[in-house]
Amino acid sequence: MPIYAYKCSACGHAADEMHKVSDAALTVCPQCGETSYTKQVTAAGFALKGSGWYATDFKNGPAAPKNETKAETAAPACGTGGCSGCAS
């Protein structure tokens, strides 16, 4: 479950609350009981940096299977008789 930051505009009470994404936002302040308890905008708890899995594994598109080379997987050039559109 995610953790949300809340703050009461009436008394200034601030706290982190954990609840489901599908649950309604909290509105009643646990300190003073006013209905001015609102969810705060916060930064993400993580950052993607460096040369991780995206840069090394997926950035340049899908790779050829390990037991095949690029020459084996390339389509034949038109006019060489290697495709079904060419007359043999």
PDB file of N, CA and C in Angstrom:
ATOM      1  N   MET A   1       0.840  -1.182   0.000  1.00  0.00           N
ATOM      2  CA  MET A   1       0.000   0.000   0.000  1.00  0.00           C
ATOM      3  C   MET A   1       0.880   1.239   0.000  1.00  0.00           C
ATOM      4  N   PRO A   2       0.478   2.255  -0.760  1.00  0.00           N
ATOM      5  CA  PRO A   2       1.271   3.483  -0.804  1.00  0.00           C
ATOM      6  C   PRO A   2       1.099   4.330   0.455  1.00  0.00           C
ATOM      7  N   ILE A   3       2.071   5.184   0.684  1.00  0.00           N
ATOM      8  CA  ILE A   3       2.046   6.104   1.821  1.00  0.00           C
ATOM      9  C   ILE A   3       1.815   7.505   1.276  1.00  0.00           C
ATOM     10  N   TYR A   4       0.835   8.210   1.846  1.00  0.00           N
ATOM     11  CA  TYR A   4       0.479   9.551   1.415  1.00  0.00           C
ATOM     12  C   TYR A   4       0.779  10.543   2.527  1.00  0.00           C
ATOM     13  N   ALA A   5       1.206  11.752   2.152  1.00  0.00           N
ATOM     14  CA  ALA A   5       1.441  12.820   3.116  1.00  0.00           C
ATOM     15  C   ALA A   5       0.179  13.668   3.204  1.00  0.00           C
ATOM     16  N   TYR A   6      -0.271  13.920   4.422  1.00  0.00           N
ATOM     17  CA  TYR A   6      -1.455  14.743   4.663  1.00  0.00           C
ATOM     18  C   TYR A   6      -1.092  15.898   5.574  1.00  0.00           C
ATOM     19  N   LYS A   7      -1.858  17.005   5.448  1.00  0.00           N
ATOM     20  CA  LYS A   7      -1.666  18.152   6.329  1.00  0.00           C
ATOM     21  C   LYS A   7      -3.006  18.825   6.564  1.00  0.00           C
ATOM     22  N   CYS A   8      -3.227  19.248   7.800  1.00  0.00           N
ATOM     23  CA  CYS A   8      -4.459  19.949   8.167  1.00  0.00           C
ATOM     24  C   CYS A   8      -4.220  21.446   8.036  1.00  0.00           C
ATOM     25  N   SER A   9      -5.077  22.120   7.291  1.00  0.00           N
ATOM     26  CA  SER A   9      -4.927  23.564   7.134  1.00  0.00           C
ATOM     27  C   SER A   9      -5.481  24.331   8.329  1.00  0.00           C
ATOM     28  N   ALA A  10      -6.243  23.675   9.194  1.00  0.00           N
ATOM     29  CA  ALA A  10      -6.801  24.339  10.369  1.00  0.00           C
ATOM     30  C   ALA A  10      -5.799  24.392  11.526  1.00  0.00           C
ATOM     31  N   CYS A  11      -5.169  23.257  11.849  1.00  0.00           N
ATOM     32  CA  CYS A  11      -4.267  23.227  13.003  1.00  0.00           C
ATOM     33  C   CYS A  11      -2.797  23.018  12.625  1.00  0.00           C
ATOM     34  N   GLY A  12      -2.517  22.686  11.357  1.00  0.00           N
ATOM     35  CA  GLY A  12      -1.140  22.497  10.923  1.00  0.00           C
ATOM     36  C   GLY A  12      -0.591  21.101  11.148  1.00  0.00           C
ATOM     37  N   HIS A  13      -1.405  20.199  11.691  1.00  0.00           N
ATOM     38  CA  HIS A  13      -0.960  18.820  11.920  1.00  0.00           C
ATOM     39  C   HIS A  13      -0.619  18.162  10.583  1.00  0.00           C
ATOM     40  N   ALA A  14       0.556  17.503  10.526  1.00  0.00           N
ATOM     41  CA  ALA A  14       0.979  16.803   9.316  1.00  0.00           C
ATOM     42  C   ALA A  14       1.353  15.378   9.680  1.00  0.00           C
ATOM     43  N   ALA A  15       0.996  14.434   8.805  1.00  0.00           N
ATOM     44  CA  ALA A  15       1.302  13.027   9.057  1.00  0.00           C
ATOM     45  C   ALA A  15       1.327  12.259   7.745  1.00  0.00           C
ATOM     46  N   ASP A  16       2.012  11.134   7.765  1.00  0.00           N
ATOM     47  CA  ASP A  16       2.007  10.209   6.636  1.00  0.00           C
ATOM     48  C   ASP A  16       0.985   9.128   6.932  1.00  0.00           C
ATOM     49  N   GLU A  17       0.123   8.864   5.967  1.00  0.00           N
ATOM     50  CA  GLU A  17      -0.944   7.879   6.139  1.00  0.00           C
ATOM     51  C   GLU A  17      -0.800   6.798   5.065  1.00  0.00           C
ATOM     52  N   MET A  18      -1.023   5.549   5.444  1.00  0.00           N
ATOM     53  CA  MET A  18      -0.944   4.435   4.509  1.00  0.00           C
ATOM     54  C   MET A  18      -2.357   3.900   4.269  1.00  0.00           C
ATOM     55  N   HIS A  19      -2.765   3.903   2.994  1.00  0.00           N
ATOM     56  CA  HIS A  19      -4.052   3.310   2.622  1.00  0.00           C
ATOM     57  C   HIS A  19      -4.033   2.932   1.156  1.00  0.00           C
ATOM     58  N   LYS A  20      -5.015   2.145   0.749  1.00  0.00           N
ATOM     59  CA  LYS A  20      -5.101   1.656  -0.633  1.00  0.00           C
ATOM     60  C   LYS A  20      -5.307   2.812  -1.607  1.00  0.00           C
ATOM     61  N   VAL A  21      -4.873   2.613  -2.842  1.00  0.00           N
ATOM     62  CA  VAL A  21      -5.090   3.600  -3.896  1.00  0.00           C
ATOM     63  C   VAL A  21      -6.591   3.773  -4.134  1.00  0.00           C
ATOM     64  N   SER A  22      -7.345   2.696  -4.017  1.00  0.00           N
ATOM     65  CA  SER A  22      -8.784   2.742  -4.278  1.00  0.00           C
ATOM     66  C   SER A  22      -9.583   3.364  -3.131  1.00  0.00           C
ATOM     67  N   ASP A  23      -8.976   3.539  -1.951  1.00  0.00           N
ATOM     68  CA  ASP A  23      -9.674   4.167  -0.825  1.00  0.00           C
ATOM     69  C   ASP A  23      -9.836   5.663  -1.071  1.00  0.00           C
ATOM     70  N   ALA A  24     -10.894   6.228  -0.528  1.00  0.00           N
ATOM     71  CA  ALA A  24     -11.120   7.676  -0.624  1.00  0.00           C
ATOM     72  C   ALA A  24     -10.063   8.408   0.200  1.00  0.00           C
ATOM     73  N   ALA A  25      -9.732   9.620  -0.235  1.00  0.00           N
ATOM     74  CA  ALA A  25      -8.757  10.430   0.502  1.00  0.00           C
ATOM     75  C   ALA A  25      -9.325  10.789   1.880  1.00  0.00           C
ATOM     76  N   LEU A  26      -8.433  10.876   2.862  1.00  0.00           N
ATOM     77  CA  LEU A  26      -8.863  11.245   4.213  1.00  0.00           C
ATOM     78  C   LEU A  26      -9.195  12.731   4.243  1.00  0.00           C
ATOM     79  N   THR A  27     -10.198  13.109   5.035  1.00  0.00           N
ATOM     80  CA  THR A  27     -10.587  14.517   5.106  1.00  0.00           C
ATOM     81  C   THR A  27     -10.653  15.031   6.536  1.00  0.00           C
ATOM     82  N   VAL A  28     -10.824  14.157   7.523  1.00  0.00           N
ATOM     83  CA  VAL A  28     -10.956  14.567   8.921  1.00  0.00           C
ATOM     84  C   VAL A  28      -9.596  14.482   9.610  1.00  0.00           C
ATOM     85  N   CYS A  29      -9.163  15.589  10.187  1.00  0.00           N
ATOM     86  CA  CYS A  29      -7.879  15.646  10.880  1.00  0.00           C
ATOM     87  C   CYS A  29      -7.955  14.843  12.175  1.00  0.00           C
ATOM     88  N   PRO A  30      -6.998  13.927  12.413  1.00  0.00           N
ATOM     89  CA  PRO A  30      -7.017  13.147  13.649  1.00  0.00           C
ATOM     90  C   PRO A  30      -6.641  13.982  14.879  1.00  0.00           C
ATOM     91  N   GLN A  31      -6.039  15.147  14.688  1.00  0.00           N
ATOM     92  CA  GLN A  31      -5.615  16.011  15.795  1.00  0.00           C
ATOM     93  C   GLN A  31      -6.752  16.906  16.286  1.00  0.00           C
ATOM     94  N   CYS A  32      -7.389  17.642  15.365  1.00  0.00           N
ATOM     95  CA  CYS A  32      -8.395  18.623  15.774  1.00  0.00           C
ATOM     96  C   CYS A  32      -9.821  18.250  15.373  1.00  0.00           C
ATOM     97  N   GLY A  33      -9.996  17.271  14.475  1.00  0.00           N
ATOM     98  CA  GLY A  33     -11.327  16.843  14.079  1.00  0.00           C
ATOM     99  C   GLY A  33     -11.947  17.659  12.964  1.00  0.00           C
ATOM    100  N   GLU A  34     -11.273  18.676  12.473  1.00  0.00           N
ATOM    101  CA  GLU A  34     -11.795  19.498  11.375  1.00  0.00           C
ATOM    102  C   GLU A  34     -11.721  18.720  10.061  1.00  0.00           C
ATOM    103  N   THR A  35     -12.535  19.117   9.091  1.00  0.00           N
ATOM    104  CA  THR A  35     -12.539  18.457   7.784  1.00  0.00           C
ATOM    105  C   THR A  35     -11.630  19.184   6.799  1.00  0.00           C
ATOM    106  N   SER A  36     -10.475  19.610   7.254  1.00  0.00           N
ATOM    107  CA  SER A  36      -9.531  20.328   6.401  1.00  0.00           C
ATOM    108  C   SER A  36      -8.212  19.564   6.257  1.00  0.00           C
ATOM    109  N   TYR A  37      -8.277  18.248   6.351  1.00  0.00           N
ATOM    110  CA  TYR A  37      -7.118  17.359   6.224  1.00  0.00           C
ATOM    111  C   TYR A  37      -6.982  17.017   4.743  1.00  0.00           C
ATOM    112  N   THR A  38      -5.916  17.463   4.093  1.00  0.00           N
ATOM    113  CA  THR A  38      -5.773  17.260   2.654  1.00  0.00           C
ATOM    114  C   THR A  38      -4.475  16.545   2.305  1.00  0.00           C
ATOM    115  N   LYS A  39      -4.522  15.844   1.186  1.00  0.00           N
ATOM    116  CA  LYS A  39      -3.357  15.118   0.676  1.00  0.00           C
ATOM    117  C   LYS A  39      -2.389  16.123   0.066  1.00  0.00           C
ATOM    118  N   GLN A  40      -1.098  15.962   0.356  1.00  0.00           N
ATOM    119  CA  GLN A  40      -0.063  16.853  -0.147  1.00  0.00           C
ATOM    120  C   GLN A  40       0.604  16.262  -1.389  1.00  0.00           C
ATOM    121  N   VAL A  41       1.138  17.118  -2.242  1.00  0.00           N
ATOM    122  CA  VAL A  41       1.891  16.691  -3.408  1.00  0.00           C
ATOM    123  C   VAL A  41       3.333  16.464  -2.955  1.00  0.00           C
ATOM    124  N   THR A  42       3.861  15.272  -3.218  1.00  0.00           N
ATOM    125  CA  THR A  42       5.224  14.946  -2.807  1.00  0.00           C
ATOM    126  C   THR A  42       6.002  14.379  -3.985  1.00  0.00           C
ATOM    127  N   ALA A  43       7.306  14.330  -3.837  1.00  0.00           N
ATOM    128  CA  ALA A  43       8.174  13.774  -4.878  1.00  0.00           C
ATOM    129  C   ALA A  43       8.126  12.256  -4.826  1.00  0.00           C
ATOM    130  N   ALA A  44       8.454  11.636  -5.945  1.00  0.00           N
ATOM    131  CA  ALA A  44       8.506  10.174  -5.989  1.00  0.00           C
ATOM    132  C   ALA A  44       9.604   9.667  -5.064  1.00  0.00           C
ATOM    133  N   GLY A  45       9.438   8.474  -4.541  1.00  0.00           N
ATOM    134  CA  GLY A  45      10.391   7.902  -3.606  1.00  0.00           C
ATOM    135  C   GLY A  45      11.557   7.207  -4.268  1.00  0.00           C
ATOM    136  N   PHE A  46      11.648   7.254  -5.614  1.00  0.00           N
ATOM    137  CA  PHE A  46      12.759   6.601  -6.302  1.00  0.00           C
ATOM    138  C   PHE A  46      13.093   7.374  -7.573  1.00  0.00           C
ATOM    139  N   ALA A  47      14.285   7.154  -8.092  1.00  0.00           N
ATOM    140  CA  ALA A  47      14.711   7.767  -9.341  1.00  0.00           C
ATOM    141  C   ALA A  47      15.480   6.730 -10.148  1.00  0.00           C
ATOM    142  N   LEU A  48      15.241   6.695 -11.445  1.00  0.00           N
ATOM    143  CA  LEU A  48      15.952   5.770 -12.313  1.00  0.00           C
ATOM    144  C   LEU A  48      17.200   6.470 -12.823  1.00  0.00           C
ATOM    145  N   LYS A  49      18.370   5.934 -12.466  1.00  0.00           N
ATOM    146  CA  LYS A  49      19.637   6.546 -12.845  1.00  0.00           C
ATOM    147  C   LYS A  49      20.576   5.492 -13.405  1.00  0.00           C
ATOM    148  N   GLY A  50      21.575   5.948 -14.133  1.00  0.00           N
ATOM    149  CA  GLY A  50      22.640   5.054 -14.569  1.00  0.00           C
ATOM    150  C   GLY A  50      22.267   4.209 -15.768  1.00  0.00           C
ATOM    151  N   SER A  51      23.043   3.177 -15.983  1.00  0.00           N
ATOM    152  CA  SER A  51      22.851   2.301 -17.144  1.00  0.00           C
ATOM    153  C   SER A  51      22.171   1.014 -16.698  1.00  0.00           C
ATOM    154  N   GLY A  52      20.946   1.133 -16.266  1.00  0.00           N
ATOM    155  CA  GLY A  52      20.194  -0.019 -15.765  1.00  0.00           C
ATOM    156  C   GLY A  52      19.622  -0.866 -16.871  1.00  0.00           C
ATOM    157  N   TRP A  53      18.641  -1.667 -16.537  1.00  0.00           N
ATOM    158  CA  TRP A  53      18.082  -2.650 -17.458  1.00  0.00           C
ATOM    159  C   TRP A  53      17.514  -2.017 -18.717  1.00  0.00           C
ATOM    160  N   TYR A  54      16.941  -0.820 -18.648  1.00  0.00           N
ATOM    161  CA  TYR A  54      16.359  -0.214 -19.847  1.00  0.00           C
ATOM    162  C   TYR A  54      17.454   0.111 -20.861  1.00  0.00           C
ATOM    163  N   ALA A  55      18.507   0.783 -20.409  1.00  0.00           N
ATOM    164  CA  ALA A  55      19.575   1.206 -21.322  1.00  0.00           C
ATOM    165  C   ALA A  55      20.331   0.021 -21.901  1.00  0.00           C
ATOM    166  N   THR A  56      20.496  -1.035 -21.137  1.00  0.00           N
ATOM    167  CA  THR A  56      21.288  -2.164 -21.616  1.00  0.00           C
ATOM    168  C   THR A  56      20.465  -3.227 -22.322  1.00  0.00           C
ATOM    169  N   ASP A  57      19.188  -3.370 -21.986  1.00  0.00           N
ATOM    170  CA  ASP A  57      18.406  -4.480 -22.518  1.00  0.00           C
ATOM    171  C   ASP A  57      17.317  -4.102 -23.523  1.00  0.00           C
ATOM    172  N   PHE A  58      16.717  -2.918 -23.417  1.00  0.00           N
ATOM    173  CA  PHE A  58      15.553  -2.613 -24.231  1.00  0.00           C
ATOM    174  C   PHE A  58      15.650  -1.347 -25.070  1.00  0.00           C
ATOM    175  N   LYS A  59      16.625  -0.504 -24.858  1.00  0.00           N
ATOM    176  CA  LYS A  59      16.688   0.792 -25.524  1.00  0.00           C
ATOM    177  C   LYS A  59      16.795   0.676 -27.045  1.00  0.00           C
ATOM    178  N   ASN A  60      17.513  -0.315 -27.559  1.00  0.00           N
ATOM    179  CA  ASN A  60      17.726  -0.434 -29.000  1.00  0.00           C
ATOM    180  C   ASN A  60      16.788  -1.428 -29.669  1.00  0.00           C
ATOM    181  N   GLY A  61      15.700  -1.774 -29.040  1.00  0.00           N
ATOM    182  CA  GLY A  61      14.740  -2.690 -29.635  1.00  0.00           C
ATOM    183  C   GLY A  61      15.055  -4.140 -29.303  1.00  0.00           C
ATOM    184  N   PRO A  62      14.236  -5.050 -29.809  1.00  0.00           N
ATOM    185  CA  PRO A  62      14.430  -6.464 -29.488  1.00  0.00           C
ATOM    186  C   PRO A  62      15.700  -7.018 -30.137  1.00  0.00           C
ATOM    187  N   ALA A  63      16.358  -7.883 -29.425  1.00  0.00           N
ATOM    188  CA  ALA A  63      17.588  -8.499 -29.930  1.00  0.00           C
ATOM    189  C   ALA A  63      17.256  -9.804 -30.634  1.00  0.00           C
ATOM    190  N   ALA A  64      18.135 -10.234 -31.518  1.00  0.00           N
ATOM    191  CA  ALA A  64      17.979 -11.523 -32.199  1.00  0.00           C
ATOM    192  C   ALA A  64      18.202 -12.629 -31.178  1.00  0.00           C
ATOM    193  N   PRO A  65      17.550 -13.773 -31.335  1.00  0.00           N
ATOM    194  CA  PRO A  65      17.803 -14.892 -30.429  1.00  0.00           C
ATOM    195  C   PRO A  65      19.293 -15.243 -30.420  1.00  0.00           C
ATOM    196  N   LYS A  66      19.782 -15.720 -29.290  1.00  0.00           N
ATOM    197  CA  LYS A  66      21.206 -15.961 -29.112  1.00  0.00           C
ATOM    198  C   LYS A  66      21.783 -16.997 -30.067  1.00  0.00           C
ATOM    199  N   ASN A  67      20.997 -17.940 -30.556  1.00  0.00           N
ATOM    200  CA  ASN A  67      21.543 -18.980 -31.431  1.00  0.00           C
ATOM    201  C   ASN A  67      21.472 -18.600 -32.918  1.00  0.00           C
ATOM    202  N   GLU A  68      20.966 -17.417 -33.233  1.00  0.00           N
ATOM    203  CA  GLU A  68      20.898 -16.966 -34.625  1.00  0.00           C
ATOM    204  C   GLU A  68      21.739 -15.710 -34.792  1.00  0.00           C
ATOM    205  N   THR A  69      22.259 -15.499 -35.970  1.00  0.00           N
ATOM    206  CA  THR A  69      22.994 -14.275 -36.262  1.00  0.00           C
ATOM    207  C   THR A  69      22.106 -13.358 -37.069  1.00  0.00           C
ATOM    208  N   LYS A  70      22.501 -12.107 -37.221  1.00  0.00           N
ATOM    209  CA  LYS A  70      21.698 -11.155 -37.989  1.00  0.00           C
ATOM    210  C   LYS A  70      21.597 -11.571 -39.451  1.00  0.00           C
ATOM    211  N   ALA A  71      22.640 -12.187 -40.011  1.00  0.00           N
ATOM    212  CA  ALA A  71      22.614 -12.613 -41.410  1.00  0.00           C
ATOM    213  C   ALA A  71      21.560 -13.697 -41.617  1.00  0.00           C
ATOM    214  N   GLU A  72      21.368 -14.563 -40.635  1.00  0.00           N
ATOM    215  CA  GLU A  72      20.383 -15.641 -40.760  1.00  0.00           C
ATOM    216  C   GLU A  72      18.964 -15.126 -40.645  1.00  0.00           C
ATOM    217  N   THR A  73      18.763 -14.050 -39.899  1.00  0.00           N
ATOM    218  CA  THR A  73      17.416 -13.545 -39.681  1.00  0.00           C
ATOM    219  C   THR A  73      17.018 -12.472 -40.682  1.00  0.00           C
ATOM    220  N   ALA A  74      17.953 -11.954 -41.475  1.00  0.00           N
ATOM    221  CA  ALA A  74      17.645 -10.898 -42.438  1.00  0.00           C
ATOM    222  C   ALA A  74      16.857 -11.470 -43.616  1.00  0.00           C
ATOM    223  N   ALA A  75      15.924 -10.683 -44.143  1.00  0.00           N
ATOM    224  CA  ALA A  75      15.127 -11.105 -45.298  1.00  0.00           C
ATOM    225  C   ALA A  75      15.986 -10.999 -46.555  1.00  0.00           C
ATOM    226  N   PRO A  76      15.788 -11.883 -47.528  1.00  0.00           N
ATOM    227  CA  PRO A  76      16.583 -11.795 -48.768  1.00  0.00           C
ATOM    228  C   PRO A  76      16.215 -10.548 -49.546  1.00  0.00           C
ATOM    229  N   ALA A  77      17.181 -10.042 -50.290  1.00  0.00           N
ATOM    230  CA  ALA A  77      16.958  -8.843 -51.103  1.00  0.00           C
ATOM    231  C   ALA A  77      16.056  -9.182 -52.280  1.00  0.00           C
ATOM    232  N   CYS A  78      15.238  -8.233 -52.673  1.00  0.00           N
ATOM    233  CA  CYS A  78      14.335  -8.454 -53.800  1.00  0.00           C
ATOM    234  C   CYS A  78      15.148  -8.594 -55.090  1.00  0.00           C
ATOM    235  N   GLY A  79      14.740  -9.508 -55.956  1.00  0.00           N
ATOM    236  CA  GLY A  79      15.421  -9.740 -57.201  1.00  0.00           C
ATOM    237  C   GLY A  79      16.438 -10.846 -57.133  1.00  0.00           C
ATOM    238  N   THR A  80      16.646 -11.437 -55.960  1.00  0.00           N
ATOM    239  CA  THR A  80      17.624 -12.508 -55.824  1.00  0.00           C
ATOM    240  C   THR A  80      16.983 -13.879 -55.939  1.00  0.00           C
ATOM    241  N   GLY A  81      15.665 -13.932 -56.043  1.00  0.00           N
ATOM    242  CA  GLY A  81      14.967 -15.210 -56.126  1.00  0.00           C
ATOM    243  C   GLY A  81      14.704 -15.844 -54.770  1.00  0.00           C
ATOM    244  N   GLY A  82      15.002 -15.146 -53.701  1.00  0.00           N
ATOM    245  CA  GLY A  82      14.830 -15.708 -52.363  1.00  0.00           C
ATOM    246  C   GLY A  82      13.483 -15.444 -51.743  1.00  0.00           C
ATOM    247  N   CYS A  83      12.645 -14.624 -52.369  1.00  0.00           N
ATOM    248  CA  CYS A  83      11.338 -14.357 -51.788  1.00  0.00           C
ATOM    249  C   CYS A  83      10.233 -14.878 -52.702  1.00  0.00           C
ATOM    250  N   SER A  84       9.031 -14.959 -52.154  1.00  0.00           N
ATOM    251  CA  SER A  84       7.926 -15.536 -52.926  1.00  0.00           C
ATOM    252  C   SER A  84       7.476 -14.612 -54.064  1.00  0.00           C
ATOM    253  N   GLY A  85       7.834 -13.335 -54.017  1.00  0.00           N
ATOM    254  CA  GLY A  85       7.435 -12.394 -55.072  1.00  0.00           C
ATOM    255  C   GLY A  85       8.336 -12.467 -56.299  1.00  0.00           C
ATOM    256  N   CYS A  86       9.494 -13.099 -56.175  1.00  0.00           N
ATOM    257  CA  CYS A  86      10.435 -13.185 -57.300  1.00  0.00           C
ATOM    258  C   CYS A  86      10.126 -14.394 -58.176  1.00  0.00           C
ATOM    259  N   ALA A  87      10.300 -14.242 -59.462  1.00  0.00           N
ATOM    260  CA  ALA A  87      10.143 -15.376 -60.375  1.00  0.00           C
ATOM    261  C   ALA A  87      11.451 -16.157 -60.386  1.00  0.00           C
ATOM    262  N   SER A  88      11.369 -17.423 -60.203  1.00  0.00           N
ATOM    263  CA  SER A  88      12.586 -18.253 -60.144  1.00  0.00           C
ATOM    264  C   SER A  88      13.088 -18.592 -61.517  1.00  0.00           C
TER     265      SER A  88
END
